[in-house]
Amino acid sequence: MMKFQIGETIIDPPNGICTMEGMRRMPADGEERTFYIFGVAAANGVRVYVPEEQIERRNIRRPMDREDVKRVLASLKQPVSPNRDDARLQYNYYRDIMKSGDPMRIARLLRDLYILDQQDDLKGKEKEIMEAAKKFLCDEISYVRQTSKSQVTEQINESLRQMYKKKQTRDKEKAKKSGVDISMGLLGYEDDEEENENDSSEENETESEEEESGEDKKKSDEEEE
């Protein structure tokens, strides 16, 4: 079980950045239980009491490090094609991601919702989830990098804008190759950039192998002559 020291900063998914203020034995459900006491940074004076046995289930963790932040921001720039199946099931899935407090999962969620927002395809409370995801990442990144939230928000927005621009460019190229005139808002990716780069690399290797094979065969024919 994860242990925290008094004064340590932690991330509690429902409340964001908190400070470990202490532990207390208190009666609950007819028995004495140990509670962690966390002070919520975004709400001065507000404290959260979490039973010790629920720390991991609640996904309470320590903040990201700087390398984690770089990976999160990089993931925001990778264009994708959001899945659009059952909207109700998707909404519950989005909520589960937010409860997880996992920065990478939340970054991917934000990326998907941003694309849907640009295409005017957000449903119900998805707009609220998108803003909550952005705030969650902004607060933690701002803490890790010790920079203002306004700067981090702009960096996140710029990463998302770059991602969507890449998506539009690649969707347009795919439409041209297929010879189909499709509205840009209806297009999406089947894979990320890294997968396409790997495909291109594999094609180049195959072509190189074929050329070498041809040269070997030519040498063999000359030797036989």
C-alpha atoms as a PDB file:
ATOM      1  CA  MET A   1       0.000   0.000   0.000  1.00  0.00           C
ATOM      2  CA  MET A   2       1.284   3.465  -0.912  1.00  0.00           C
ATOM      3  CA  LYS A   3       2.342   5.560   2.058  1.00  0.00           C
ATOM      4  CA  PHE A   4       2.557   9.356   2.202  1.00  0.00           C
ATOM      5  CA  GLN A   5       4.473  11.678   4.487  1.00  0.00           C
ATOM      6  CA  ILE A   6       3.031  14.754   6.190  1.00  0.00           C
ATOM      7  CA  GLY A   7       3.570  17.798   3.985  1.00  0.00           C
ATOM      8  CA  GLU A   8       3.886  15.708   0.814  1.00  0.00           C
ATOM      9  CA  THR A   9       1.982  16.781  -2.304  1.00  0.00           C
ATOM     10  CA  ILE A  10      -0.351  14.163  -3.773  1.00  0.00           C
ATOM     11  CA  ILE A  11      -2.874  13.921  -6.592  1.00  0.00           C
ATOM     12  CA  ASP A  12      -6.402  12.926  -5.635  1.00  0.00           C
ATOM     13  CA  PRO A  13      -8.355  12.496  -8.917  1.00  0.00           C
ATOM     14  CA  PRO A  14     -11.634  14.008  -7.662  1.00  0.00           C
ATOM     15  CA  ASN A  15      -9.889  17.014  -6.076  1.00  0.00           C
ATOM     16  CA  GLY A  16      -6.628  17.446  -7.968  1.00  0.00           C
ATOM     17  CA  ILE A  17      -3.535  18.654  -6.101  1.00  0.00           C
ATOM     18  CA  CYS A  18      -3.645  18.115  -2.349  1.00  0.00           C
ATOM     19  CA  THR A  19      -1.283  18.182   0.611  1.00  0.00           C
ATOM     20  CA  MET A  20      -0.933  15.331   3.057  1.00  0.00           C
ATOM     21  CA  GLU A  21      -1.810  16.898   6.422  1.00  0.00           C
ATOM     22  CA  GLY A  22      -1.911  13.889   8.698  1.00  0.00           C
ATOM     23  CA  MET A  23      -3.661  10.686   9.749  1.00  0.00           C
ATOM     24  CA  ARG A  24      -6.375  10.063  12.300  1.00  0.00           C
ATOM     25  CA  ARG A  25      -8.124   7.089  13.838  1.00  0.00           C
ATOM     26  CA  MET A  26     -11.869   7.645  13.640  1.00  0.00           C
ATOM     27  CA  PRO A  27     -15.023   5.537  14.081  1.00  0.00           C
ATOM     28  CA  ALA A  28     -16.666   4.569  10.786  1.00  0.00           C
ATOM     29  CA  ASP A  29     -19.201   1.863   9.990  1.00  0.00           C
ATOM     30  CA  GLY A  30     -19.103   0.632  13.571  1.00  0.00           C
ATOM     31  CA  GLU A  31     -15.320   0.259  13.803  1.00  0.00           C
ATOM     32  CA  GLU A  32     -12.143   2.284  14.283  1.00  0.00           C
ATOM     33  CA  ARG A  33     -10.437   3.048  10.981  1.00  0.00           C
ATOM     34  CA  THR A  34      -7.361   5.002   9.922  1.00  0.00           C
ATOM     35  CA  PHE A  35      -7.993   8.011   7.688  1.00  0.00           C
ATOM     36  CA  TYR A  36      -5.562  10.050   5.617  1.00  0.00           C
ATOM     37  CA  ILE A  37      -6.266  13.786   5.812  1.00  0.00           C
ATOM     38  CA  PHE A  38      -5.622  15.740   2.608  1.00  0.00           C
ATOM     39  CA  GLY A  39      -5.886  19.509   2.214  1.00  0.00           C
ATOM     40  CA  VAL A  40      -7.286  20.499  -1.197  1.00  0.00           C
ATOM     41  CA  ALA A  41      -5.076  23.112  -2.875  1.00  0.00           C
ATOM     42  CA  ALA A  42      -7.861  24.526  -5.049  1.00  0.00           C
ATOM     43  CA  ALA A  43     -10.182  25.070  -2.080  1.00  0.00           C
ATOM     44  CA  ASN A  44      -8.471  26.728   0.873  1.00  0.00           C
ATOM     45  CA  GLY A  45      -9.524  25.173   4.164  1.00  0.00           C
ATOM     46  CA  VAL A  46     -11.211  22.160   2.566  1.00  0.00           C
ATOM     47  CA  ARG A  47      -9.991  18.770   3.798  1.00  0.00           C
ATOM     48  CA  VAL A  48     -10.683  15.312   2.480  1.00  0.00           C
ATOM     49  CA  TYR A  49     -10.699  12.267   4.764  1.00  0.00           C
ATOM     50  CA  VAL A  50      -9.836   9.052   2.910  1.00  0.00           C
ATOM     51  CA  PRO A  51      -9.811   5.616   4.608  1.00  0.00           C
ATOM     52  CA  GLU A  52      -6.349   4.071   4.416  1.00  0.00           C
ATOM     53  CA  GLU A  53      -7.630   0.976   2.623  1.00  0.00           C
ATOM     54  CA  GLN A  54      -9.169   3.108  -0.150  1.00  0.00           C
ATOM     55  CA  ILE A  55      -6.002   4.987  -1.134  1.00  0.00           C
ATOM     56  CA  GLU A  56      -5.151   2.718  -4.074  1.00  0.00           C
ATOM     57  CA  ARG A  57      -8.770   2.156  -5.107  1.00  0.00           C
ATOM     58  CA  ARG A  58      -9.218   5.937  -5.260  1.00  0.00           C
ATOM     59  CA  ASN A  59      -6.073   6.144  -7.481  1.00  0.00           C
ATOM     60  CA  ILE A  60      -4.319   8.630  -5.207  1.00  0.00           C
ATOM     61  CA  ARG A  61      -0.725   9.062  -6.348  1.00  0.00           C
ATOM     62  CA  ARG A  62       2.302  11.335  -6.376  1.00  0.00           C
ATOM     63  CA  PRO A  63       2.581  14.024  -9.103  1.00  0.00           C
ATOM     64  CA  MET A  64       4.193  13.422 -12.485  1.00  0.00           C
ATOM     65  CA  ASP A  65       7.844  14.231 -13.030  1.00  0.00           C
ATOM     66  CA  ARG A  66       9.139  16.469 -15.854  1.00  0.00           C
ATOM     67  CA  GLU A  67       9.687  13.556 -18.236  1.00  0.00           C
ATOM     68  CA  ASP A  68       6.089  12.432 -17.685  1.00  0.00           C
ATOM     69  CA  VAL A  69       4.939  15.955 -18.553  1.00  0.00           C
ATOM     70  CA  LYS A  70       6.896  15.865 -21.829  1.00  0.00           C
ATOM     71  CA  ARG A  71       5.250  12.571 -22.779  1.00  0.00           C
ATOM     72  CA  VAL A  72       1.785  13.909 -21.973  1.00  0.00           C
ATOM     73  CA  LEU A  73       2.258  17.056 -24.079  1.00  0.00           C
ATOM     74  CA  ALA A  74       3.720  15.002 -26.943  1.00  0.00           C
ATOM     75  CA  SER A  75       0.701  12.689 -26.912  1.00  0.00           C
ATOM     76  CA  LEU A  76      -1.609  15.696 -27.345  1.00  0.00           C
ATOM     77  CA  LYS A  77       0.030  16.369 -30.725  1.00  0.00           C
ATOM     78  CA  GLN A  78      -0.708  12.925 -32.169  1.00  0.00           C
ATOM     79  CA  PRO A  79      -3.784  12.968 -34.474  1.00  0.00           C
ATOM     80  CA  VAL A  80      -6.356  10.212 -34.030  1.00  0.00           C
ATOM     81  CA  SER A  81      -9.857   9.295 -35.104  1.00  0.00           C
ATOM     82  CA  PRO A  82     -12.224   9.298 -32.072  1.00  0.00           C
ATOM     83  CA  ASN A  83     -14.548   6.340 -31.692  1.00  0.00           C
ATOM     84  CA  ARG A  84     -18.228   7.233 -31.936  1.00  0.00           C
ATOM     85  CA  ASP A  85     -20.390   4.293 -30.883  1.00  0.00           C
ATOM     86  CA  ASP A  86     -22.934   4.402 -28.077  1.00  0.00           C
ATOM     87  CA  ALA A  87     -22.840   7.970 -26.686  1.00  0.00           C
ATOM     88  CA  ARG A  88     -24.146   6.932 -23.262  1.00  0.00           C
ATOM     89  CA  LEU A  89     -21.531   4.195 -22.883  1.00  0.00           C
ATOM     90  CA  GLN A  90     -18.861   6.607 -24.061  1.00  0.00           C
ATOM     91  CA  TYR A  91     -19.871   9.172 -21.464  1.00  0.00           C
ATOM     92  CA  ASN A  92     -19.511   6.575 -18.686  1.00  0.00           C
ATOM     93  CA  TYR A  93     -16.146   5.561 -20.156  1.00  0.00           C
ATOM     94  CA  TYR A  94     -15.002   9.188 -20.117  1.00  0.00           C
ATOM     95  CA  ARG A  95     -15.985   9.514 -16.463  1.00  0.00           C
ATOM     96  CA  ASP A  96     -14.040   6.363 -15.609  1.00  0.00           C
ATOM     97  CA  ILE A  97     -10.951   7.855 -17.273  1.00  0.00           C
ATOM     98  CA  MET A  98     -11.277  11.029 -15.195  1.00  0.00           C
ATOM     99  CA  LYS A  99     -11.645   8.957 -12.023  1.00  0.00           C
ATOM    100  CA  SER A 100      -8.471   7.062 -12.885  1.00  0.00           C
ATOM    101  CA  GLY A 101      -6.412  10.255 -12.575  1.00  0.00           C
ATOM    102  CA  ASP A 102      -3.995   8.815 -15.157  1.00  0.00           C
ATOM    103  CA  PRO A 103      -2.430  11.803 -17.021  1.00  0.00           C
ATOM    104  CA  MET A 104      -1.795   9.862 -20.251  1.00  0.00           C
ATOM    105  CA  ARG A 105      -5.332   8.485 -20.407  1.00  0.00           C
ATOM    106  CA  ILE A 106      -6.750  11.915 -19.639  1.00  0.00           C
ATOM    107  CA  ALA A 107      -4.536  13.468 -22.347  1.00  0.00           C
ATOM    108  CA  ARG A 108      -5.873  10.986 -24.917  1.00  0.00           C
ATOM    109  CA  LEU A 109      -9.417  11.735 -23.761  1.00  0.00           C
ATOM    110  CA  LEU A 110      -8.822  15.478 -24.139  1.00  0.00           C
ATOM    111  CA  ARG A 111      -7.382  14.927 -27.615  1.00  0.00           C
ATOM    112  CA  ASP A 112     -10.448  12.932 -28.720  1.00  0.00           C
ATOM    113  CA  LEU A 113     -12.943  15.404 -27.294  1.00  0.00           C
ATOM    114  CA  TYR A 114     -11.071  18.339 -28.832  1.00  0.00           C
ATOM    115  CA  ILE A 115     -11.401  16.775 -32.290  1.00  0.00           C
ATOM    116  CA  LEU A 116     -15.111  16.144 -31.743  1.00  0.00           C
ATOM    117  CA  ASP A 117     -15.529  19.727 -30.543  1.00  0.00           C
ATOM    118  CA  GLN A 118     -13.850  21.077 -33.686  1.00  0.00           C
ATOM    119  CA  GLN A 119     -16.275  18.991 -35.722  1.00  0.00           C
ATOM    120  CA  ASP A 120     -19.286  20.193 -33.667  1.00  0.00           C
ATOM    121  CA  ASP A 121     -19.919  16.626 -32.545  1.00  0.00           C
ATOM    122  CA  LEU A 122     -19.814  16.892 -28.747  1.00  0.00           C
ATOM    123  CA  LYS A 123     -22.867  15.442 -27.024  1.00  0.00           C
ATOM    124  CA  GLY A 124     -24.502  16.090 -23.652  1.00  0.00           C
ATOM    125  CA  LYS A 125     -21.976  16.893 -20.948  1.00  0.00           C
ATOM    126  CA  GLU A 126     -18.922  15.997 -23.031  1.00  0.00           C
ATOM    127  CA  LYS A 127     -17.987  19.686 -23.202  1.00  0.00           C
ATOM    128  CA  GLU A 128     -17.792  19.770 -19.400  1.00  0.00           C
ATOM    129  CA  ILE A 129     -15.613  16.645 -19.372  1.00  0.00           C
ATOM    130  CA  MET A 130     -13.305  18.188 -21.963  1.00  0.00           C
ATOM    131  CA  GLU A 131     -12.834  21.310 -19.834  1.00  0.00           C
ATOM    132  CA  ALA A 132     -12.354  19.199 -16.694  1.00  0.00           C
ATOM    133  CA  ALA A 133      -9.680  17.115 -18.453  1.00  0.00           C
ATOM    134  CA  LYS A 134      -7.853  20.245 -19.592  1.00  0.00           C
ATOM    135  CA  LYS A 135      -7.985  21.769 -16.083  1.00  0.00           C
ATOM    136  CA  PHE A 136      -6.758  18.536 -14.482  1.00  0.00           C
ATOM    137  CA  LEU A 137      -3.703  18.404 -16.749  1.00  0.00           C
ATOM    138  CA  CYS A 138      -3.076  22.142 -16.493  1.00  0.00           C
ATOM    139  CA  ASP A 139      -3.068  22.155 -12.684  1.00  0.00           C
ATOM    140  CA  GLU A 140      -0.629  19.269 -12.393  1.00  0.00           C
ATOM    141  CA  ILE A 141       1.713  20.406 -15.180  1.00  0.00           C
ATOM    142  CA  SER A 142       1.755  23.902 -13.715  1.00  0.00           C
ATOM    143  CA  TYR A 143       2.739  22.454 -10.341  1.00  0.00           C
ATOM    144  CA  VAL A 144       5.459  20.209 -11.784  1.00  0.00           C
ATOM    145  CA  ARG A 145       7.002  22.921 -13.964  1.00  0.00           C
ATOM    146  CA  GLN A 146       6.407  25.724 -11.483  1.00  0.00           C
ATOM    147  CA  THR A 147       4.875  27.924 -14.185  1.00  0.00           C
ATOM    148  CA  SER A 148       1.623  29.861 -14.376  1.00  0.00           C
ATOM    149  CA  LYS A 149      -1.583  28.071 -15.263  1.00  0.00           C
ATOM    150  CA  SER A 150      -2.229  30.549 -18.081  1.00  0.00           C
ATOM    151  CA  GLN A 151       1.082  29.573 -19.721  1.00  0.00           C
ATOM    152  CA  VAL A 152       0.347  25.866 -19.369  1.00  0.00           C
ATOM    153  CA  THR A 153      -3.188  26.301 -20.701  1.00  0.00           C
ATOM    154  CA  GLU A 154      -1.836  28.028 -23.800  1.00  0.00           C
ATOM    155  CA  GLN A 155       0.747  25.282 -24.276  1.00  0.00           C
ATOM    156  CA  ILE A 156      -1.957  22.629 -24.067  1.00  0.00           C
ATOM    157  CA  ASN A 157      -4.173  24.561 -26.490  1.00  0.00           C
ATOM    158  CA  GLU A 158      -1.269  24.984 -28.919  1.00  0.00           C
ATOM    159  CA  SER A 159      -0.509  21.253 -28.775  1.00  0.00           C
ATOM    160  CA  LEU A 160      -4.145  20.493 -29.573  1.00  0.00           C
ATOM    161  CA  ARG A 161      -4.196  23.007 -32.431  1.00  0.00           C
ATOM    162  CA  GLN A 162      -1.083  21.416 -33.943  1.00  0.00           C
ATOM    163  CA  MET A 163      -2.661  17.987 -33.599  1.00  0.00           C
ATOM    164  CA  TYR A 164      -5.846  19.042 -35.365  1.00  0.00           C
ATOM    165  CA  LYS A 165      -3.909  20.776 -38.133  1.00  0.00           C
ATOM    166  CA  LYS A 166      -1.965  17.553 -38.753  1.00  0.00           C
ATOM    167  CA  LYS A 167      -5.231  15.654 -38.813  1.00  0.00           C
ATOM    168  CA  GLN A 168      -6.731  17.976 -41.426  1.00  0.00           C
ATOM    169  CA  THR A 169      -3.625  17.797 -43.616  1.00  0.00           C
ATOM    170  CA  ARG A 170      -3.404  14.018 -43.508  1.00  0.00           C
ATOM    171  CA  ASP A 171      -7.147  13.575 -43.986  1.00  0.00           C
ATOM    172  CA  LYS A 172      -6.948  15.759 -47.077  1.00  0.00           C
ATOM    173  CA  GLU A 173      -4.055  13.697 -48.438  1.00  0.00           C
ATOM    174  CA  LYS A 174      -5.954  10.464 -47.827  1.00  0.00           C
ATOM    175  CA  ALA A 175      -9.005  11.865 -49.593  1.00  0.00           C
ATOM    176  CA  LYS A 176      -6.900  12.807 -52.626  1.00  0.00           C
ATOM    177  CA  LYS A 177      -5.292   9.376 -52.794  1.00  0.00           C
ATOM    178  CA  SER A 178      -8.637   7.632 -52.601  1.00  0.00           C
ATOM    179  CA  GLY A 179     -10.132   9.976 -55.200  1.00  0.00           C
ATOM    180  CA  VAL A 180     -13.141  10.584 -52.966  1.00  0.00           C
ATOM    181  CA  ASP A 181     -14.450  14.084 -52.247  1.00  0.00           C
ATOM    182  CA  ILE A 182     -15.346  13.897 -48.531  1.00  0.00           C
ATOM    183  CA  SER A 183     -16.051  16.714 -46.112  1.00  0.00           C
ATOM    184  CA  MET A 184     -13.041  17.287 -43.831  1.00  0.00           C
ATOM    185  CA  GLY A 185     -15.249  17.039 -40.756  1.00  0.00           C
ATOM    186  CA  LEU A 186     -16.111  13.428 -41.601  1.00  0.00           C
ATOM    187  CA  LEU A 187     -12.561  12.217 -42.060  1.00  0.00           C
ATOM    188  CA  GLY A 188     -10.342  10.576 -39.445  1.00  0.00           C
ATOM    189  CA  TYR A 189      -7.220   8.535 -38.940  1.00  0.00           C
ATOM    190  CA  GLU A 190      -6.933   4.800 -38.714  1.00  0.00           C
ATOM    191  CA  ASP A 191      -3.538   5.013 -37.020  1.00  0.00           C
ATOM    192  CA  ASP A 192      -1.091   7.419 -35.394  1.00  0.00           C
ATOM    193  CA  GLU A 193       1.900   9.045 -37.040  1.00  0.00           C
ATOM    194  CA  GLU A 194       4.351   6.611 -35.511  1.00  0.00           C
ATOM    195  CA  GLU A 195       2.549   3.675 -37.101  1.00  0.00           C
ATOM    196  CA  ASN A 196       2.645   5.352 -40.506  1.00  0.00           C
ATOM    197  CA  GLU A 197       6.329   6.127 -40.096  1.00  0.00           C
ATOM    198  CA  ASN A 198       6.962   2.484 -39.244  1.00  0.00           C
ATOM    199  CA  ASP A 199       5.027   1.395 -42.325  1.00  0.00           C
ATOM    200  CA  SER A 200       7.114   3.742 -44.484  1.00  0.00           C
ATOM    201  CA  SER A 201      10.315   2.415 -42.929  1.00  0.00           C
ATOM    202  CA  GLU A 202       9.276  -1.170 -43.595  1.00  0.00           C
ATOM    203  CA  GLU A 203       8.504  -0.332 -47.231  1.00  0.00           C
ATOM    204  CA  ASN A 204      11.942   1.260 -47.666  1.00  0.00           C
ATOM    205  CA  GLU A 205      13.629  -1.782 -46.128  1.00  0.00           C
ATOM    206  CA  THR A 206      11.691  -4.073 -48.452  1.00  0.00           C
ATOM    207  CA  GLU A 207      12.696  -2.033 -51.499  1.00  0.00           C
ATOM    208  CA  SER A 208      16.335  -2.094 -50.356  1.00  0.00           C
ATOM    209  CA  GLU A 209      16.232  -5.881 -49.913  1.00  0.00           C
ATOM    210  CA  GLU A 210      14.742  -6.319 -53.387  1.00  0.00           C
ATOM    211  CA  GLU A 211      17.493  -4.156 -54.924  1.00  0.00           C
ATOM    212  CA  GLU A 212      20.205  -6.139 -53.139  1.00  0.00           C
ATOM    213  CA  SER A 213      18.611  -9.390 -54.252  1.00  0.00           C
ATOM    214  CA  GLY A 214      18.588  -8.155 -57.852  1.00  0.00           C
ATOM    215  CA  GLU A 215      22.240  -7.193 -57.694  1.00  0.00           C
ATOM    216  CA  ASP A 216      23.203 -10.601 -56.251  1.00  0.00           C
ATOM    217  CA  LYS A 217      21.333 -12.351 -59.035  1.00  0.00           C
ATOM    218  CA  LYS A 218      23.069 -10.196 -61.660  1.00  0.00           C
ATOM    219  CA  LYS A 219      26.501 -11.066 -60.202  1.00  0.00           C
ATOM    220  CA  SER A 220      25.596 -14.739 -60.170  1.00  0.00           C
ATOM    221  CA  ASP A 221      24.571 -14.647 -63.850  1.00  0.00           C
ATOM    222  CA  GLU A 222      27.821 -12.893 -64.803  1.00  0.00           C
ATOM    223  CA  GLU A 223      29.875 -15.503 -62.947  1.00  0.00           C
ATOM    224  CA  GLU A 224      28.073 -18.351 -64.739  1.00  0.00           C
ATOM    225  CA  GLU A 225      28.868 -16.733 -68.087  1.00  0.00           C
END
